[in-house]
Amino acid sequence: MITNYPTITVLLATLNGVRFLDEQLASLNAQIGVHVEVYVNDDGSTDGTIEVLERWKELGLIVSIIKSNRLGTTRAFFKLLQECEKKSFVAFCDQDDIWEPKKLATQIQLCEESTPTLVFSRRKYCNASGKIIGVSPKLKKSPSFANALIENIAPGNTILLNSSAIKLVNSNTFLNAVHYDSWIYLLISAFGKCKYIYEPLVQYRIHENNQVGLQKFNLKAFKSSALQFVHQASYLSANLKRSLQEDNNLTLANFILVLQVKGIKQKIKVIWKAKFDRQRLIDQIGFKIVFYILIFKNKI
């Protein structure tokens, strides 16, 4: 072991991932300029995943394997993060991707010592056989609190957190978040710094069994997402409002006002004036239309 390299703790959530797991773990083991240790939560695999994990544990890459029963990705990652309270850096890992060899070394260069910092990057898309089929679009706008209120632009499998960010998230875990990465992005955008790397550092595998993939537009899912973001923001307001900077506090207050005012006209007025900031203008307009639909259906 090269002791003068910084240690990065990689959190891995697995569930019946034997098909691609070896390739992902090999890419973690091949990271340059850092020492990698892996903490795993397996959510009840029955396909040989445990055997693969145990083999990599014997090789020294994996430090810990926690076995759970259908916690789900968000709860699994928050549980793992609690185990890593004193770590210097933590990254989140899918079971079926491939990481570029310089991913972690590139990211830690952007981390600040005392400020909670989240570093994330673009992704390449690959198919089941590993062939590159595309790349995620460049962000049109910088990461911001106004954006995080209504959109997650920091995919979990690209995120690296420094020690201050780890402590911040562990002190403010929200198990009913839209998704673990959306909550982390919201927290760090409110109380720290989010830094974006234009270079794709992860090969995100698109196949028939992965949990997210490249989802097509779905109005029902869009409405569900809008509601979840509102309730996520409401939780932040109820628990951390006093700690927010004035500008962020005002942005948050205006956004969740839609839950507090009475009457359709008042709610529509609130949404019309609300300062949330989607990356694409069409999504910005679309989300406001979705909010109007939810208001008329008495969902908010």
C-alpha atoms as a PDB file:
ATOM      1  CA  MET A   1       0.000   0.000   0.000  1.00  0.00           C
ATOM      2  CA  ILE A   2       1.285   3.487  -0.892  1.00  0.00           C
ATOM      3  CA  THR A   3       0.589   5.385   2.303  1.00  0.00           C
ATOM      4  CA  ASN A   4       1.192   8.905   0.976  1.00  0.00           C
ATOM      5  CA  TYR A   5      -1.786   8.670  -1.385  1.00  0.00           C
ATOM      6  CA  PRO A   6      -5.071  10.097  -0.039  1.00  0.00           C
ATOM      7  CA  THR A   7      -7.618   7.455   0.925  1.00  0.00           C
ATOM      8  CA  ILE A   8     -11.012   7.593  -0.761  1.00  0.00           C
ATOM      9  CA  THR A   9     -13.840   5.571   0.751  1.00  0.00           C
ATOM     10  CA  VAL A  10     -16.197   4.327  -1.953  1.00  0.00           C
ATOM     11  CA  LEU A  11     -19.734   3.400  -0.915  1.00  0.00           C
ATOM     12  CA  LEU A  12     -21.288   0.670  -3.045  1.00  0.00           C
ATOM     13  CA  ALA A  13     -24.922  -0.479  -2.959  1.00  0.00           C
ATOM     14  CA  THR A  14     -25.535  -3.885  -4.535  1.00  0.00           C
ATOM     15  CA  LEU A  15     -28.547  -6.004  -5.378  1.00  0.00           C
ATOM     16  CA  ASN A  16     -28.218  -8.976  -7.742  1.00  0.00           C
ATOM     17  CA  GLY A  17     -25.418  -7.237  -9.612  1.00  0.00           C
ATOM     18  CA  VAL A  18     -23.190 -10.182 -10.451  1.00  0.00           C
ATOM     19  CA  ARG A  19     -23.419  -9.557 -14.204  1.00  0.00           C
ATOM     20  CA  PHE A  20     -21.348  -6.350 -14.188  1.00  0.00           C
ATOM     21  CA  LEU A  21     -19.950  -6.134 -10.651  1.00  0.00           C
ATOM     22  CA  ASP A  22     -16.478  -7.519 -11.350  1.00  0.00           C
ATOM     23  CA  GLU A  23     -15.868  -4.934 -14.052  1.00  0.00           C
ATOM     24  CA  GLN A  24     -16.936  -2.087 -11.790  1.00  0.00           C
ATOM     25  CA  LEU A  25     -14.794  -3.274  -8.888  1.00  0.00           C
ATOM     26  CA  ALA A  26     -11.828  -3.674 -11.228  1.00  0.00           C
ATOM     27  CA  SER A  27     -12.245  -0.036 -12.294  1.00  0.00           C
ATOM     28  CA  LEU A  28     -12.236   1.015  -8.627  1.00  0.00           C
ATOM     29  CA  ASN A  29      -9.112  -1.019  -8.036  1.00  0.00           C
ATOM     30  CA  ALA A  30      -7.464   0.673 -11.045  1.00  0.00           C
ATOM     31  CA  GLN A  31      -7.877   4.238  -9.738  1.00  0.00           C
ATOM     32  CA  ILE A  32      -4.610   6.163  -9.971  1.00  0.00           C
ATOM     33  CA  GLY A  33      -3.106   8.586  -7.457  1.00  0.00           C
ATOM     34  CA  VAL A  34      -5.371   7.514  -4.582  1.00  0.00           C
ATOM     35  CA  HIS A  35      -5.856   4.597  -2.232  1.00  0.00           C
ATOM     36  CA  VAL A  36      -9.380   3.164  -2.538  1.00  0.00           C
ATOM     37  CA  GLU A  37     -11.299   1.303   0.146  1.00  0.00           C
ATOM     38  CA  VAL A  38     -14.850   0.068  -0.453  1.00  0.00           C
ATOM     39  CA  TYR A  39     -17.780  -0.236   1.953  1.00  0.00           C
ATOM     40  CA  VAL A  40     -20.699  -2.277   0.617  1.00  0.00           C
ATOM     41  CA  ASN A  41     -24.353  -2.597   1.498  1.00  0.00           C
ATOM     42  CA  ASP A  42     -25.904  -5.615  -0.188  1.00  0.00           C
ATOM     43  CA  ASP A  43     -29.703  -5.469  -0.214  1.00  0.00           C
ATOM     44  CA  GLY A  44     -30.489  -9.183  -0.308  1.00  0.00           C
ATOM     45  CA  SER A  45     -28.732 -10.510  -3.422  1.00  0.00           C
ATOM     46  CA  THR A  46     -29.409 -14.103  -4.457  1.00  0.00           C
ATOM     47  CA  ASP A  47     -27.395 -14.327  -7.689  1.00  0.00           C
ATOM     48  CA  GLY A  48     -23.762 -14.725  -6.636  1.00  0.00           C
ATOM     49  CA  THR A  49     -23.113 -11.055  -5.873  1.00  0.00           C
ATOM     50  CA  ILE A  50     -21.998 -11.891  -2.326  1.00  0.00           C
ATOM     51  CA  GLU A  51     -19.430 -14.350  -3.618  1.00  0.00           C
ATOM     52  CA  VAL A  52     -17.946 -11.666  -5.897  1.00  0.00           C
ATOM     53  CA  LEU A  53     -17.834  -9.195  -3.002  1.00  0.00           C
ATOM     54  CA  GLU A  54     -16.168 -11.692  -0.693  1.00  0.00           C
ATOM     55  CA  ARG A  55     -13.500 -12.406  -3.299  1.00  0.00           C
ATOM     56  CA  TRP A  56     -12.676  -8.710  -3.623  1.00  0.00           C
ATOM     57  CA  LYS A  57     -12.653  -8.431   0.158  1.00  0.00           C
ATOM     58  CA  GLU A  58     -10.009 -11.139   0.303  1.00  0.00           C
ATOM     59  CA  LEU A  59      -8.006  -9.147  -2.250  1.00  0.00           C
ATOM     60  CA  GLY A  60      -8.129  -6.125   0.075  1.00  0.00           C
ATOM     61  CA  LEU A  61     -10.246  -3.711  -1.967  1.00  0.00           C
ATOM     62  CA  ILE A  62     -13.438  -4.153   0.058  1.00  0.00           C
ATOM     63  CA  VAL A  63     -13.251  -3.339   3.766  1.00  0.00           C
ATOM     64  CA  SER A  64     -16.812  -3.995   4.912  1.00  0.00           C
ATOM     65  CA  ILE A  65     -19.906  -5.793   3.636  1.00  0.00           C
ATOM     66  CA  ILE A  66     -23.218  -5.028   5.327  1.00  0.00           C
ATOM     67  CA  LYS A  67     -26.109  -7.333   4.471  1.00  0.00           C
ATOM     68  CA  SER A  68     -29.601  -5.836   4.592  1.00  0.00           C
ATOM     69  CA  ASN A  69     -33.046  -6.719   3.316  1.00  0.00           C
ATOM     70  CA  ARG A  70     -34.558  -4.370   0.721  1.00  0.00           C
ATOM     71  CA  LEU A  71     -33.571  -1.056   2.267  1.00  0.00           C
ATOM     72  CA  GLY A  72     -33.563   0.584  -1.139  1.00  0.00           C
ATOM     73  CA  THR A  73     -30.721   2.635  -2.597  1.00  0.00           C
ATOM     74  CA  THR A  74     -31.318   5.849  -0.642  1.00  0.00           C
ATOM     75  CA  ARG A  75     -31.483   4.218   2.781  1.00  0.00           C
ATOM     76  CA  ALA A  76     -28.585   1.891   1.949  1.00  0.00           C
ATOM     77  CA  PHE A  77     -26.292   4.778   1.038  1.00  0.00           C
ATOM     78  CA  PHE A  78     -27.290   6.872   4.048  1.00  0.00           C
ATOM     79  CA  LYS A  79     -26.631   3.853   6.273  1.00  0.00           C
ATOM     80  CA  LEU A  80     -23.180   3.392   4.748  1.00  0.00           C
ATOM     81  CA  LEU A  81     -22.408   7.093   5.078  1.00  0.00           C
ATOM     82  CA  GLN A  82     -23.127   6.927   8.818  1.00  0.00           C
ATOM     83  CA  GLU A  83     -20.397   4.285   9.043  1.00  0.00           C
ATOM     84  CA  CYS A  84     -17.951   6.735   7.435  1.00  0.00           C
ATOM     85  CA  GLU A  85     -18.395   9.789   9.653  1.00  0.00           C
ATOM     86  CA  LYS A  86     -14.636  10.233  10.182  1.00  0.00           C
ATOM     87  CA  LYS A  87     -13.502   9.562   6.626  1.00  0.00           C
ATOM     88  CA  SER A  88     -11.677  12.232   4.612  1.00  0.00           C
ATOM     89  CA  PHE A  89     -13.441  11.620   1.294  1.00  0.00           C
ATOM     90  CA  VAL A  90     -16.435   9.536   0.267  1.00  0.00           C
ATOM     91  CA  ALA A  91     -17.703   8.653  -3.214  1.00  0.00           C
ATOM     92  CA  PHE A  92     -20.897   6.825  -4.202  1.00  0.00           C
ATOM     93  CA  CYS A  93     -20.819   3.893  -6.592  1.00  0.00           C
ATOM     94  CA  ASP A  94     -23.328   1.951  -8.710  1.00  0.00           C
ATOM     95  CA  GLN A  95     -22.776  -1.763  -9.173  1.00  0.00           C
ATOM     96  CA  ASP A  96     -22.802  -1.800 -12.970  1.00  0.00           C
ATOM     97  CA  ASP A  97     -20.778   1.206 -14.178  1.00  0.00           C
ATOM     98  CA  ILE A  98     -17.124   1.694 -15.101  1.00  0.00           C
ATOM     99  CA  TRP A  99     -15.011   4.493 -13.625  1.00  0.00           C
ATOM    100  CA  GLU A 100     -12.270   6.264 -15.561  1.00  0.00           C
ATOM    101  CA  PRO A 101      -8.887   5.596 -13.869  1.00  0.00           C
ATOM    102  CA  LYS A 102      -8.371   9.269 -12.934  1.00  0.00           C
ATOM    103  CA  LYS A 103     -11.901   9.896 -11.627  1.00  0.00           C
ATOM    104  CA  LEU A 104     -11.160  10.185  -7.924  1.00  0.00           C
ATOM    105  CA  ALA A 105      -7.741  11.843  -8.253  1.00  0.00           C
ATOM    106  CA  THR A 106      -9.286  14.511 -10.489  1.00  0.00           C
ATOM    107  CA  GLN A 107     -12.123  15.161  -8.061  1.00  0.00           C
ATOM    108  CA  ILE A 108     -10.154  15.517  -4.833  1.00  0.00           C
ATOM    109  CA  GLN A 109      -8.095  18.310  -6.384  1.00  0.00           C
ATOM    110  CA  LEU A 110     -11.226  20.487  -6.291  1.00  0.00           C
ATOM    111  CA  CYS A 111     -12.174  19.768  -2.684  1.00  0.00           C
ATOM    112  CA  GLU A 112     -11.729  22.462  -0.060  1.00  0.00           C
ATOM    113  CA  GLU A 113     -10.529  21.650   3.439  1.00  0.00           C
ATOM    114  CA  SER A 114     -13.085  23.327   5.682  1.00  0.00           C
ATOM    115  CA  THR A 115     -16.032  24.065   3.399  1.00  0.00           C
ATOM    116  CA  PRO A 116     -18.535  21.251   2.694  1.00  0.00           C
ATOM    117  CA  THR A 117     -17.736  20.390  -0.903  1.00  0.00           C
ATOM    118  CA  LEU A 118     -19.481  18.204  -3.467  1.00  0.00           C
ATOM    119  CA  VAL A 119     -17.629  17.469  -6.705  1.00  0.00           C
ATOM    120  CA  PHE A 120     -19.455  15.801  -9.596  1.00  0.00           C
ATOM    121  CA  SER A 121     -18.932  15.276 -13.301  1.00  0.00           C
ATOM    122  CA  ARG A 122     -20.473  14.461 -16.643  1.00  0.00           C
ATOM    123  CA  ARG A 123     -20.967  10.832 -17.662  1.00  0.00           C
ATOM    124  CA  LYS A 124     -20.487   8.736 -20.748  1.00  0.00           C
ATOM    125  CA  TYR A 125     -23.307   6.325 -21.539  1.00  0.00           C
ATOM    126  CA  CYS A 126     -22.453   2.750 -22.450  1.00  0.00           C
ATOM    127  CA  ASN A 127     -24.595  -0.263 -23.288  1.00  0.00           C
ATOM    128  CA  ALA A 128     -24.611  -3.679 -21.658  1.00  0.00           C
ATOM    129  CA  SER A 129     -21.507  -4.752 -23.554  1.00  0.00           C
ATOM    130  CA  GLY A 130     -19.599  -1.604 -22.573  1.00  0.00           C
ATOM    131  CA  LYS A 131     -19.818   0.191 -25.934  1.00  0.00           C
ATOM    132  CA  ILE A 132     -20.022   3.986 -25.592  1.00  0.00           C
ATOM    133  CA  ILE A 133     -23.379   5.182 -26.934  1.00  0.00           C
ATOM    134  CA  GLY A 134     -23.420   8.813 -25.849  1.00  0.00           C
ATOM    135  CA  VAL A 135     -22.457  11.422 -23.275  1.00  0.00           C
ATOM    136  CA  SER A 136     -24.481  13.510 -20.877  1.00  0.00           C
ATOM    137  CA  PRO A 137     -25.047  17.111 -22.016  1.00  0.00           C
ATOM    138  CA  LYS A 138     -22.983  19.918 -20.535  1.00  0.00           C
ATOM    139  CA  LEU A 139     -24.743  21.937 -17.889  1.00  0.00           C
ATOM    140  CA  LYS A 140     -26.210  25.190 -19.173  1.00  0.00           C
ATOM    141  CA  LYS A 141     -26.201  26.762 -15.703  1.00  0.00           C
ATOM    142  CA  SER A 142     -23.916  26.442 -12.704  1.00  0.00           C
ATOM    143  CA  PRO A 143     -25.003  24.409  -9.661  1.00  0.00           C
ATOM    144  CA  SER A 144     -27.144  26.507  -7.325  1.00  0.00           C
ATOM    145  CA  PHE A 145     -29.619  26.280  -4.472  1.00  0.00           C
ATOM    146  CA  ALA A 146     -32.432  27.528  -6.710  1.00  0.00           C
ATOM    147  CA  ASN A 147     -31.654  24.691  -9.112  1.00  0.00           C
ATOM    148  CA  ALA A 148     -31.341  22.043  -6.394  1.00  0.00           C
ATOM    149  CA  LEU A 149     -34.821  22.877  -5.093  1.00  0.00           C
ATOM    150  CA  ILE A 150     -36.402  21.464  -8.237  1.00  0.00           C
ATOM    151  CA  GLU A 151     -33.797  19.451 -10.153  1.00  0.00           C
ATOM    152  CA  ASN A 152     -30.944  17.076  -9.415  1.00  0.00           C
ATOM    153  CA  ILE A 153     -27.963  17.624 -11.701  1.00  0.00           C
ATOM    154  CA  ALA A 154     -25.467  15.688  -9.545  1.00  0.00           C
ATOM    155  CA  PRO A 155     -25.858  11.954 -10.300  1.00  0.00           C
ATOM    156  CA  GLY A 156     -24.898   9.880  -7.291  1.00  0.00           C
ATOM    157  CA  ASN A 157     -22.375   7.743  -9.137  1.00  0.00           C
ATOM    158  CA  THR A 158     -20.330  10.864  -9.962  1.00  0.00           C
ATOM    159  CA  ILE A 159     -20.395  12.471  -6.492  1.00  0.00           C
ATOM    160  CA  LEU A 160     -17.375  12.927  -4.227  1.00  0.00           C
ATOM    161  CA  LEU A 161     -17.759  14.513  -0.770  1.00  0.00           C
ATOM    162  CA  ASN A 162     -15.082  15.911   1.520  1.00  0.00           C
ATOM    163  CA  SER A 163     -15.084  15.374   5.292  1.00  0.00           C
ATOM    164  CA  SER A 164     -17.087  18.540   6.050  1.00  0.00           C
ATOM    165  CA  ALA A 165     -19.769  17.491   3.569  1.00  0.00           C
ATOM    166  CA  ILE A 166     -19.924  13.991   5.073  1.00  0.00           C
ATOM    167  CA  LYS A 167     -20.592  15.448   8.509  1.00  0.00           C
ATOM    168  CA  LEU A 168     -23.204  17.854   7.145  1.00  0.00           C
ATOM    169  CA  VAL A 169     -25.153  15.079   5.403  1.00  0.00           C
ATOM    170  CA  ASN A 170     -24.912  12.705   8.358  1.00  0.00           C
ATOM    171  CA  SER A 171     -26.270  15.405  10.670  1.00  0.00           C
ATOM    172  CA  ASN A 172     -29.212  16.070   8.350  1.00  0.00           C
ATOM    173  CA  THR A 173     -30.242  12.757   6.820  1.00  0.00           C
ATOM    174  CA  PHE A 174     -33.676  12.748   5.179  1.00  0.00           C
ATOM    175  CA  LEU A 175     -34.756   9.178   4.461  1.00  0.00           C
ATOM    176  CA  ASN A 176     -37.800  10.276   2.428  1.00  0.00           C
ATOM    177  CA  ALA A 177     -35.751  12.356   0.006  1.00  0.00           C
ATOM    178  CA  VAL A 178     -36.521  12.266  -3.719  1.00  0.00           C
ATOM    179  CA  HIS A 179     -33.286  10.275  -3.957  1.00  0.00           C
ATOM    180  CA  TYR A 180     -30.124  10.266  -1.858  1.00  0.00           C
ATOM    181  CA  ASP A 181     -28.174  12.299  -4.420  1.00  0.00           C
ATOM    182  CA  SER A 182     -30.874  14.972  -4.816  1.00  0.00           C
ATOM    183  CA  TRP A 183     -30.921  15.539  -1.046  1.00  0.00           C
ATOM    184  CA  ILE A 184     -27.126  15.714  -0.875  1.00  0.00           C
ATOM    185  CA  TYR A 185     -27.045  18.203  -3.758  1.00  0.00           C
ATOM    186  CA  LEU A 186     -29.711  20.331  -2.041  1.00  0.00           C
ATOM    187  CA  LEU A 187     -27.841  20.321   1.292  1.00  0.00           C
ATOM    188  CA  ILE A 188     -24.434  21.139  -0.113  1.00  0.00           C
ATOM    189  CA  SER A 189     -25.809  23.821  -2.446  1.00  0.00           C
ATOM    190  CA  ALA A 190     -27.390  25.445   0.625  1.00  0.00           C
ATOM    191  CA  PHE A 191     -24.453  25.222   3.029  1.00  0.00           C
ATOM    192  CA  GLY A 192     -21.329  24.530   0.992  1.00  0.00           C
ATOM    193  CA  LYS A 193     -19.962  24.427  -2.542  1.00  0.00           C
ATOM    194  CA  CYS A 194     -20.878  22.242  -5.518  1.00  0.00           C
ATOM    195  CA  LYS A 195     -18.214  21.919  -8.216  1.00  0.00           C
ATOM    196  CA  TYR A 196     -18.830  20.525 -11.673  1.00  0.00           C
ATOM    197  CA  ILE A 197     -16.262  18.809 -13.907  1.00  0.00           C
ATOM    198  CA  TYR A 198     -17.061  19.012 -17.620  1.00  0.00           C
ATOM    199  CA  GLU A 199     -14.988  15.918 -18.408  1.00  0.00           C
ATOM    200  CA  PRO A 200     -16.957  12.639 -18.235  1.00  0.00           C
ATOM    201  CA  LEU A 201     -15.383  10.521 -15.479  1.00  0.00           C
ATOM    202  CA  VAL A 202     -17.933   7.689 -15.264  1.00  0.00           C
ATOM    203  CA  GLN A 203     -19.238   5.266 -17.849  1.00  0.00           C
ATOM    204  CA  TYR A 204     -22.893   4.925 -16.889  1.00  0.00           C
ATOM    205  CA  ARG A 205     -24.200   1.608 -18.109  1.00  0.00           C
ATOM    206  CA  ILE A 206     -27.658   1.582 -19.688  1.00  0.00           C
ATOM    207  CA  HIS A 207     -29.278  -1.843 -19.676  1.00  0.00           C
ATOM    208  CA  GLU A 208     -32.612  -3.500 -19.031  1.00  0.00           C
ATOM    209  CA  ASN A 209     -32.089  -4.041 -15.301  1.00  0.00           C
ATOM    210  CA  ASN A 210     -30.595  -0.816 -13.967  1.00  0.00           C
ATOM    211  CA  GLN A 211     -32.785   1.229 -11.647  1.00  0.00           C
ATOM    212  CA  VAL A 212     -32.765   4.607 -13.385  1.00  0.00           C
ATOM    213  CA  GLY A 213     -31.422   4.522 -16.921  1.00  0.00           C
ATOM    214  CA  LEU A 214     -32.303   7.194 -19.463  1.00  0.00           C
ATOM    215  CA  GLN A 215     -35.921   7.769 -18.669  1.00  0.00           C
ATOM    216  CA  LYS A 216     -38.280   9.171 -21.284  1.00  0.00           C
ATOM    217  CA  PHE A 217     -40.730  11.927 -20.431  1.00  0.00           C
ATOM    218  CA  ASN A 218     -43.645  10.679 -18.398  1.00  0.00           C
ATOM    219  CA  LEU A 219     -46.263  13.125 -17.115  1.00  0.00           C
ATOM    220  CA  LYS A 220     -47.183  10.947 -14.137  1.00  0.00           C
ATOM    221  CA  ALA A 221     -43.546  10.644 -13.100  1.00  0.00           C
ATOM    222  CA  PHE A 222     -43.037  14.381 -13.700  1.00  0.00           C
ATOM    223  CA  LYS A 223     -45.941  15.202 -11.360  1.00  0.00           C
ATOM    224  CA  SER A 224     -44.672  12.782  -8.737  1.00  0.00           C
ATOM    225  CA  SER A 225     -41.220  14.322  -8.949  1.00  0.00           C
ATOM    226  CA  ALA A 226     -42.599  17.848  -8.543  1.00  0.00           C
ATOM    227  CA  LEU A 227     -44.464  16.841  -5.379  1.00  0.00           C
ATOM    228  CA  GLN A 228     -41.413  15.102  -3.964  1.00  0.00           C
ATOM    229  CA  PHE A 229     -39.239  18.156  -4.525  1.00  0.00           C
ATOM    230  CA  VAL A 230     -41.786  20.364  -2.761  1.00  0.00           C
ATOM    231  CA  HIS A 231     -41.898  18.078   0.268  1.00  0.00           C
ATOM    232  CA  GLN A 232     -38.114  17.765   0.282  1.00  0.00           C
ATOM    233  CA  ALA A 233     -37.860  21.556   0.331  1.00  0.00           C
ATOM    234  CA  SER A 234     -40.503  21.664   3.068  1.00  0.00           C
ATOM    235  CA  TYR A 235     -38.432  19.301   5.216  1.00  0.00           C
ATOM    236  CA  LEU A 236     -35.370  21.507   4.704  1.00  0.00           C
ATOM    237  CA  SER A 237     -37.377  24.550   5.730  1.00  0.00           C
ATOM    238  CA  ALA A 238     -38.734  22.879   8.857  1.00  0.00           C
ATOM    239  CA  ASN A 239     -35.344  21.628  10.038  1.00  0.00           C
ATOM    240  CA  LEU A 240     -32.646  23.934   8.666  1.00  0.00           C
ATOM    241  CA  LYS A 241     -34.331  27.203   7.744  1.00  0.00           C
ATOM    242  CA  ARG A 242     -32.598  29.177  10.493  1.00  0.00           C
ATOM    243  CA  SER A 243     -29.161  28.192   9.220  1.00  0.00           C
ATOM    244  CA  LEU A 244     -29.661  29.296   5.621  1.00  0.00           C
ATOM    245  CA  GLN A 245     -28.120  32.422   4.191  1.00  0.00           C
ATOM    246  CA  GLU A 246     -30.626  35.215   3.638  1.00  0.00           C
ATOM    247  CA  ASP A 247     -30.880  34.808  -0.150  1.00  0.00           C
ATOM    248  CA  ASN A 248     -31.328  31.039   0.062  1.00  0.00           C
ATOM    249  CA  ASN A 249     -33.819  31.399   2.896  1.00  0.00           C
ATOM    250  CA  LEU A 250     -35.935  33.780   0.824  1.00  0.00           C
ATOM    251  CA  THR A 251     -35.767  31.495  -2.219  1.00  0.00           C
ATOM    252  CA  LEU A 252     -36.841  28.530  -0.101  1.00  0.00           C
ATOM    253  CA  ALA A 253     -39.623  30.448   1.647  1.00  0.00           C
ATOM    254  CA  ASN A 254     -41.085  31.596  -1.669  1.00  0.00           C
ATOM    255  CA  PHE A 255     -40.938  28.098  -3.078  1.00  0.00           C
ATOM    256  CA  ILE A 256     -42.757  26.303  -0.235  1.00  0.00           C
ATOM    257  CA  LEU A 257     -45.284  29.102   0.177  1.00  0.00           C
ATOM    258  CA  VAL A 258     -47.428  27.112  -2.265  1.00  0.00           C
ATOM    259  CA  LEU A 259     -48.095  24.645   0.582  1.00  0.00           C
ATOM    260  CA  GLN A 260     -49.196  27.391   2.944  1.00  0.00           C
ATOM    261  CA  VAL A 261     -51.426  29.750   0.980  1.00  0.00           C
ATOM    262  CA  LYS A 262     -55.110  28.980   0.458  1.00  0.00           C
ATOM    263  CA  GLY A 263     -57.046  29.098  -2.792  1.00  0.00           C
ATOM    264  CA  ILE A 264     -56.186  28.212  -6.372  1.00  0.00           C
ATOM    265  CA  LYS A 265     -55.510  31.788  -7.465  1.00  0.00           C
ATOM    266  CA  GLN A 266     -53.066  32.399  -4.622  1.00  0.00           C
ATOM    267  CA  LYS A 267     -51.223  29.139  -5.244  1.00  0.00           C
ATOM    268  CA  ILE A 268     -50.915  29.856  -8.967  1.00  0.00           C
ATOM    269  CA  LYS A 269     -49.575  33.315  -8.157  1.00  0.00           C
ATOM    270  CA  VAL A 270     -46.961  31.805  -5.869  1.00  0.00           C
ATOM    271  CA  ILE A 271     -45.777  29.306  -8.479  1.00  0.00           C
ATOM    272  CA  TRP A 272     -45.690  31.993 -11.156  1.00  0.00           C
ATOM    273  CA  LYS A 273     -43.317  34.084  -9.028  1.00  0.00           C
ATOM    274  CA  ALA A 274     -41.367  31.221  -7.455  1.00  0.00           C
ATOM    275  CA  LYS A 275     -37.619  31.332  -8.109  1.00  0.00           C
ATOM    276  CA  PHE A 276     -36.576  27.843  -9.026  1.00  0.00           C
ATOM    277  CA  ASP A 277     -34.155  27.245 -11.808  1.00  0.00           C
ATOM    278  CA  ARG A 278     -34.222  24.182 -14.077  1.00  0.00           C
ATOM    279  CA  GLN A 279     -31.319  23.683 -16.490  1.00  0.00           C
ATOM    280  CA  ARG A 280     -33.503  23.798 -19.613  1.00  0.00           C
ATOM    281  CA  LEU A 281     -36.126  26.449 -20.293  1.00  0.00           C
ATOM    282  CA  ILE A 282     -38.576  23.823 -21.572  1.00  0.00           C
ATOM    283  CA  ASP A 283     -38.278  21.960 -18.249  1.00  0.00           C
ATOM    284  CA  GLN A 284     -38.721  25.220 -16.355  1.00  0.00           C
ATOM    285  CA  ILE A 285     -41.971  25.890 -18.196  1.00  0.00           C
ATOM    286  CA  GLY A 286     -43.012  22.247 -17.959  1.00  0.00           C
ATOM    287  CA  PHE A 287     -42.576  22.142 -14.201  1.00  0.00           C
ATOM    288  CA  LYS A 288     -44.698  25.252 -13.725  1.00  0.00           C
ATOM    289  CA  ILE A 289     -47.428  23.710 -15.875  1.00  0.00           C
ATOM    290  CA  VAL A 290     -47.214  20.524 -13.788  1.00  0.00           C
ATOM    291  CA  PHE A 291     -47.574  22.587 -10.617  1.00  0.00           C
ATOM    292  CA  TYR A 292     -50.684  24.237 -12.050  1.00  0.00           C
ATOM    293  CA  ILE A 293     -52.159  20.782 -12.769  1.00  0.00           C
ATOM    294  CA  LEU A 294     -51.376  19.667  -9.222  1.00  0.00           C
ATOM    295  CA  ILE A 295     -52.987  22.800  -7.820  1.00  0.00           C
ATOM    296  CA  PHE A 296     -56.191  22.286  -9.807  1.00  0.00           C
ATOM    297  CA  LYS A 297     -56.287  18.651  -8.630  1.00  0.00           C
ATOM    298  CA  ASN A 298     -55.836  19.795  -5.009  1.00  0.00           C
ATOM    299  CA  LYS A 299     -52.580  17.836  -4.691  1.00  0.00           C
ATOM    300  CA  ILE A 300     -50.770  20.854  -3.269  1.00  0.00           C
END
